[in-house]
Amino acid sequence: MYQSSMIKHIVKYDDSKANDENTKSLFNMLMKMFDKKNNDIIQKKLSYQ
C-alpha cells in the first residue's frame, strides 16, 4: 500500500522547494487521490472479511 508520505519519498518531492503554487496544488491533489484510492481498497478488503 502506498501512502502519500511514501510516494513523496519515492519521487523525492520537497515541499520547501516547490515555490510554484500550481506545482504544489497539483502534487497535493495527486496525494489525495492516492490516499483516497488506497482507503477505498482497504475498505473493500475489510468488507470481504
N, C-alpha and C. Protein backbone atom coordinates (compact mmCIF):
# COMPACT_ATOMS: atom_id res chain seq x y z
N MET A 1 0.84 -1.20 0.00
CA MET A 1 0.00 0.00 0.00
C MET A 1 0.88 1.25 0.00
N TYR A 2 0.60 2.13 -0.91
CA TYR A 2 1.33 3.39 -0.97
C TYR A 2 0.58 4.47 -0.21
N GLN A 3 1.23 5.08 0.74
CA GLN A 3 0.69 6.28 1.39
C GLN A 3 1.42 7.49 0.82
N SER A 4 0.79 8.65 0.98
CA SER A 4 1.36 9.84 0.35
C SER A 4 2.79 10.11 0.82
N SER A 5 3.09 9.82 2.08
CA SER A 5 4.45 10.06 2.57
C SER A 5 5.46 9.16 1.86
N MET A 6 5.04 7.92 1.56
CA MET A 6 5.93 7.02 0.83
C MET A 6 6.15 7.53 -0.58
N ILE A 7 5.08 8.00 -1.21
CA ILE A 7 5.20 8.49 -2.58
C ILE A 7 6.09 9.72 -2.61
N LYS A 8 5.93 10.61 -1.63
CA LYS A 8 6.81 11.78 -1.56
C LYS A 8 8.26 11.34 -1.47
N HIS A 9 8.52 10.29 -0.71
CA HIS A 9 9.88 9.79 -0.56
C HIS A 9 10.37 9.22 -1.89
N ILE A 10 9.51 8.46 -2.56
CA ILE A 10 9.90 7.81 -3.81
C ILE A 10 10.25 8.85 -4.87
N VAL A 11 9.42 9.88 -5.01
CA VAL A 11 9.68 10.88 -6.05
C VAL A 11 10.59 12.00 -5.56
N LYS A 12 11.03 11.88 -4.28
CA LYS A 12 11.93 12.86 -3.69
C LYS A 12 11.38 14.28 -3.85
N TYR A 13 10.13 14.44 -3.49
CA TYR A 13 9.47 15.74 -3.59
C TYR A 13 9.67 16.49 -2.29
N ASP A 14 10.09 17.76 -2.43
CA ASP A 14 10.33 18.58 -1.25
C ASP A 14 9.41 19.80 -1.30
N ASP A 15 8.49 19.89 -0.33
CA ASP A 15 7.53 21.00 -0.30
C ASP A 15 8.22 22.35 -0.30
N SER A 16 9.33 22.46 0.41
CA SER A 16 10.00 23.75 0.55
C SER A 16 10.59 24.23 -0.78
N LYS A 17 10.87 23.28 -1.69
CA LYS A 17 11.46 23.67 -2.97
C LYS A 17 10.40 23.99 -4.01
N ALA A 18 9.16 23.64 -3.74
CA ALA A 18 8.09 23.90 -4.70
C ALA A 18 7.55 25.31 -4.47
N ASN A 19 8.19 26.28 -5.09
CA ASN A 19 7.73 27.65 -4.91
C ASN A 19 6.57 27.98 -5.85
N ASP A 20 6.35 27.11 -6.83
CA ASP A 20 5.24 27.31 -7.77
C ASP A 20 3.97 26.74 -7.15
N GLU A 21 3.01 27.61 -6.89
CA GLU A 21 1.77 27.18 -6.22
C GLU A 21 1.02 26.13 -7.04
N ASN A 22 1.09 26.24 -8.38
CA ASN A 22 0.40 25.26 -9.22
C ASN A 22 1.01 23.88 -9.04
N THR A 23 2.33 23.84 -8.95
CA THR A 23 3.01 22.57 -8.74
C THR A 23 2.61 21.96 -7.40
N LYS A 24 2.57 22.82 -6.37
CA LYS A 24 2.19 22.34 -5.04
C LYS A 24 0.78 21.78 -5.04
N SER A 25 -0.16 22.54 -5.59
CA SER A 25 -1.56 22.12 -5.54
C SER A 25 -1.78 20.87 -6.37
N LEU A 26 -1.08 20.77 -7.50
CA LEU A 26 -1.21 19.58 -8.34
C LEU A 26 -0.70 18.35 -7.59
N PHE A 27 0.45 18.51 -6.94
CA PHE A 27 1.03 17.39 -6.21
C PHE A 27 0.13 16.98 -5.05
N ASN A 28 -0.40 17.98 -4.32
CA ASN A 28 -1.30 17.68 -3.21
C ASN A 28 -2.55 16.97 -3.69
N MET A 29 -3.05 17.37 -4.85
CA MET A 29 -4.24 16.72 -5.42
C MET A 29 -3.92 15.25 -5.72
N LEU A 30 -2.74 15.01 -6.30
CA LEU A 30 -2.33 13.63 -6.57
C LEU A 30 -2.24 12.82 -5.29
N MET A 31 -1.68 13.42 -4.24
CA MET A 31 -1.54 12.72 -2.97
C MET A 31 -2.91 12.33 -2.42
N LYS A 32 -3.87 13.25 -2.50
CA LYS A 32 -5.21 12.96 -2.01
C LYS A 32 -5.84 11.83 -2.82
N MET A 33 -5.59 11.82 -4.14
CA MET A 33 -6.14 10.76 -4.98
C MET A 33 -5.55 9.41 -4.58
N PHE A 34 -4.24 9.37 -4.37
CA PHE A 34 -3.59 8.12 -3.95
C PHE A 34 -4.16 7.64 -2.62
N ASP A 35 -4.25 8.55 -1.65
CA ASP A 35 -4.76 8.18 -0.33
C ASP A 35 -6.20 7.70 -0.41
N LYS A 36 -7.02 8.39 -1.20
CA LYS A 36 -8.42 8.02 -1.32
C LYS A 36 -8.53 6.64 -1.96
N LYS A 37 -7.75 6.40 -3.01
CA LYS A 37 -7.80 5.12 -3.69
C LYS A 37 -7.40 4.00 -2.73
N ASN A 38 -6.34 4.21 -1.97
CA ASN A 38 -5.89 3.21 -1.00
C ASN A 38 -6.94 2.97 0.06
N ASN A 39 -7.58 4.03 0.55
CA ASN A 39 -8.61 3.88 1.56
C ASN A 39 -9.78 3.08 1.00
N ASP A 40 -10.15 3.33 -0.25
CA ASP A 40 -11.24 2.58 -0.88
C ASP A 40 -10.88 1.11 -0.97
N ILE A 41 -9.63 0.83 -1.36
CA ILE A 41 -9.18 -0.56 -1.48
C ILE A 41 -9.21 -1.24 -0.12
N ILE A 42 -8.71 -0.54 0.90
CA ILE A 42 -8.69 -1.11 2.26
C ILE A 42 -10.11 -1.39 2.73
N GLN A 43 -11.02 -0.45 2.50
CA GLN A 43 -12.41 -0.64 2.92
C GLN A 43 -13.01 -1.86 2.24
N LYS A 44 -12.74 -2.03 0.95
CA LYS A 44 -13.28 -3.19 0.22
C LYS A 44 -12.73 -4.48 0.80
N LYS A 45 -11.43 -4.50 1.07
CA LYS A 45 -10.81 -5.70 1.63
C LYS A 45 -11.42 -6.04 2.98
N LEU A 46 -11.64 -5.02 3.81
CA LEU A 46 -12.21 -5.25 5.13
C LEU A 46 -13.64 -5.78 5.01
N SER A 47 -14.37 -5.27 4.03
CA SER A 47 -15.77 -5.68 3.91
C SER A 47 -15.89 -7.12 3.42
N TYR A 48 -14.85 -7.62 2.76
CA TYR A 48 -14.89 -9.01 2.28
C TYR A 48 -14.60 -10.01 3.39
N GLN A 49 -13.93 -9.56 4.45
CA GLN A 49 -13.54 -10.49 5.51
C GLN A 49 -14.71 -10.88 6.38
